[in-house]
């Protein structure tokens, strides 16, 4: 996500939705840290504004999480972040095997 921050920021500016599915302890935590970092780098926001931006995405239901505990890994072995705009998949951001 950090490597593609500029592109992701443009997609978010155009109204993209972000869906995270994966391990709550590892991948989801990393995504939570990367989103405000991306907003600061690519969007020029300060730390407080970046946190507010992420909160606003959640409130608008544009950032959704479907995360699970490690015990579920046998059932759901992959973790994925999807970026969706207007019902179309823009990118698969991260996939853990």
C-alpha atoms as a PDB file:
ATOM      1  CA  UNK A   1       0.000   0.000   0.000  1.00  0.00           C
ATOM      2  CA  UNK A   2       2.773   2.397   0.878  1.00  0.00           C
ATOM      3  CA  UNK A   3       4.489   1.769  -2.457  1.00  0.00           C
ATOM      4  CA  UNK A   4       1.297   2.658  -4.350  1.00  0.00           C
ATOM      5  CA  UNK A   5       0.194   5.486  -2.037  1.00  0.00           C
ATOM      6  CA  UNK A   6      -0.248   8.084  -4.782  1.00  0.00           C
ATOM      7  CA  UNK A   7      -2.404   5.804  -6.899  1.00  0.00           C
ATOM      8  CA  UNK A   8      -4.489   4.661  -3.920  1.00  0.00           C
ATOM      9  CA  UNK A   9      -4.979   8.251  -2.794  1.00  0.00           C
ATOM     10  CA  UNK A  10      -6.331   9.192  -6.240  1.00  0.00           C
ATOM     11  CA  UNK A  11      -8.722   6.235  -6.154  1.00  0.00           C
ATOM     12  CA  UNK A  12      -9.973   7.245  -2.721  1.00  0.00           C
ATOM     13  CA  UNK A  13     -10.395  10.821  -3.941  1.00  0.00           C
ATOM     14  CA  UNK A  14     -12.561   9.424  -6.740  1.00  0.00           C
ATOM     15  CA  UNK A  15     -14.795   7.611  -4.226  1.00  0.00           C
ATOM     16  CA  UNK A  16     -13.284   4.125  -4.075  1.00  0.00           C
ATOM     17  CA  UNK A  17     -14.285   1.677  -1.327  1.00  0.00           C
ATOM     18  CA  UNK A  18     -11.709  -0.396   0.554  1.00  0.00           C
ATOM     19  CA  UNK A  19     -12.478  -3.906   1.835  1.00  0.00           C
ATOM     20  CA  UNK A  20     -10.068  -5.786   4.077  1.00  0.00           C
ATOM     21  CA  UNK A  21     -10.433  -9.488   4.755  1.00  0.00           C
ATOM     22  CA  UNK A  22      -7.833 -11.311   6.803  1.00  0.00           C
ATOM     23  CA  UNK A  23      -6.068 -11.994  10.058  1.00  0.00           C
ATOM     24  CA  UNK A  24      -6.973  -9.395  12.696  1.00  0.00           C
ATOM     25  CA  UNK A  25      -3.659  -9.714  14.532  1.00  0.00           C
ATOM     26  CA  UNK A  26      -1.341  -9.291  11.556  1.00  0.00           C
ATOM     27  CA  UNK A  27      -2.576  -8.069   8.204  1.00  0.00           C
ATOM     28  CA  UNK A  28      -5.556  -5.995   9.382  1.00  0.00           C
ATOM     29  CA  UNK A  29      -3.396  -4.217  11.961  1.00  0.00           C
ATOM     30  CA  UNK A  30      -0.835  -3.377   9.279  1.00  0.00           C
ATOM     31  CA  UNK A  31      -3.534  -2.005   6.972  1.00  0.00           C
ATOM     32  CA  UNK A  32      -4.908   0.147   9.804  1.00  0.00           C
ATOM     33  CA  UNK A  33      -1.438   1.650  10.209  1.00  0.00           C
ATOM     34  CA  UNK A  34      -0.818   2.032   6.464  1.00  0.00           C
ATOM     35  CA  UNK A  35      -4.023   3.961   5.645  1.00  0.00           C
ATOM     36  CA  UNK A  36      -3.265   7.095   7.678  1.00  0.00           C
ATOM     37  CA  UNK A  37       0.382   6.872   6.602  1.00  0.00           C
ATOM     38  CA  UNK A  38      -0.771   6.877   2.981  1.00  0.00           C
ATOM     39  CA  UNK A  39      -3.023   9.890   3.642  1.00  0.00           C
ATOM     40  CA  UNK A  40      -0.101  11.799   5.150  1.00  0.00           C
ATOM     41  CA  UNK A  41       2.315  10.915   2.329  1.00  0.00           C
ATOM     42  CA  UNK A  42       0.112  11.130  -0.732  1.00  0.00           C
ATOM     43  CA  UNK A  43      -2.607  13.429   0.560  1.00  0.00           C
ATOM     44  CA  UNK A  44      -0.429  15.848   2.509  1.00  0.00           C
ATOM     45  CA  UNK A  45      -2.539  15.456   5.662  1.00  0.00           C
ATOM     46  CA  UNK A  46      -1.112  15.842   9.145  1.00  0.00           C
ATOM     47  CA  UNK A  47      -1.429  12.932  11.584  1.00  0.00           C
ATOM     48  CA  UNK A  48      -4.683  14.113  13.204  1.00  0.00           C
ATOM     49  CA  UNK A  49      -6.306  14.861   9.841  1.00  0.00           C
ATOM     50  CA  UNK A  50      -5.211  11.462   8.510  1.00  0.00           C
ATOM     51  CA  UNK A  51      -6.852   9.700  11.471  1.00  0.00           C
ATOM     52  CA  UNK A  52     -10.012  11.769  10.916  1.00  0.00           C
ATOM     53  CA  UNK A  53      -9.967  10.846   7.230  1.00  0.00           C
ATOM     54  CA  UNK A  54      -9.839   7.118   8.052  1.00  0.00           C
ATOM     55  CA  UNK A  55     -12.663   7.567  10.576  1.00  0.00           C
ATOM     56  CA  UNK A  56     -14.699   9.322   7.894  1.00  0.00           C
ATOM     57  CA  UNK A  57     -14.086   6.447   5.460  1.00  0.00           C
ATOM     58  CA  UNK A  58     -15.412   4.045   8.102  1.00  0.00           C
ATOM     59  CA  UNK A  59     -18.439   6.235   8.808  1.00  0.00           C
ATOM     60  CA  UNK A  60     -19.226   6.412   5.078  1.00  0.00           C
ATOM     61  CA  UNK A  61     -18.801   2.618   4.913  1.00  0.00           C
ATOM     62  CA  UNK A  62     -16.012   3.075   2.374  1.00  0.00           C
ATOM     63  CA  UNK A  63     -13.528   1.229   4.612  1.00  0.00           C
ATOM     64  CA  UNK A  64     -14.824  -2.136   5.765  1.00  0.00           C
ATOM     65  CA  UNK A  65     -13.096  -4.938   7.580  1.00  0.00           C
ATOM     66  CA  UNK A  66     -13.939  -8.635   7.636  1.00  0.00           C
ATOM     67  CA  UNK A  67     -11.249  -9.898   9.961  1.00  0.00           C
ATOM     68  CA  UNK A  68     -10.859 -13.096  11.903  1.00  0.00           C
ATOM     69  CA  UNK A  69      -8.768 -14.632  14.648  1.00  0.00           C
ATOM     70  CA  UNK A  70      -5.913 -17.005  13.850  1.00  0.00           C
ATOM     71  CA  UNK A  71      -8.090 -20.047  14.647  1.00  0.00           C
ATOM     72  CA  UNK A  72     -10.082 -19.348  11.471  1.00  0.00           C
ATOM     73  CA  UNK A  73      -7.011 -19.567   9.223  1.00  0.00           C
ATOM     74  CA  UNK A  74      -7.764 -23.192   8.361  1.00  0.00           C
ATOM     75  CA  UNK A  75     -11.092 -22.023   6.944  1.00  0.00           C
ATOM     76  CA  UNK A  76      -9.924 -18.726   5.412  1.00  0.00           C
ATOM     77  CA  UNK A  77      -6.251 -19.177   4.483  1.00  0.00           C
ATOM     78  CA  UNK A  78      -5.895 -15.969   2.430  1.00  0.00           C
ATOM     79  CA  UNK A  79      -6.007 -12.343   3.437  1.00  0.00           C
ATOM     80  CA  UNK A  80      -7.029  -9.790   0.858  1.00  0.00           C
ATOM     81  CA  UNK A  81      -7.557  -6.050   0.559  1.00  0.00           C
ATOM     82  CA  UNK A  82      -9.788  -5.031  -2.311  1.00  0.00           C
ATOM     83  CA  UNK A  83     -10.192  -1.547  -3.714  1.00  0.00           C
ATOM     84  CA  UNK A  84     -13.579  -1.148  -5.396  1.00  0.00           C
ATOM     85  CA  UNK A  85     -15.075   1.811  -7.211  1.00  0.00           C
ATOM     86  CA  UNK A  86     -18.509   1.911  -8.825  1.00  0.00           C
ATOM     87  CA  UNK A  87     -18.848  -1.834  -8.353  1.00  0.00           C
ATOM     88  CA  UNK A  88     -15.637  -2.604 -10.252  1.00  0.00           C
ATOM     89  CA  UNK A  89     -12.530  -4.144  -8.731  1.00  0.00           C
ATOM     90  CA  UNK A  90      -9.674  -1.675  -9.129  1.00  0.00           C
ATOM     91  CA  UNK A  91      -6.974  -3.665  -7.373  1.00  0.00           C
ATOM     92  CA  UNK A  92      -6.125  -6.482  -5.042  1.00  0.00           C
ATOM     93  CA  UNK A  93      -3.761  -4.712  -2.676  1.00  0.00           C
ATOM     94  CA  UNK A  94      -2.394  -7.538  -0.546  1.00  0.00           C
ATOM     95  CA  UNK A  95      -2.715 -11.278  -0.493  1.00  0.00           C
ATOM     96  CA  UNK A  96      -1.189 -13.515   2.154  1.00  0.00           C
ATOM     97  CA  UNK A  97      -0.927 -17.255   1.540  1.00  0.00           C
END
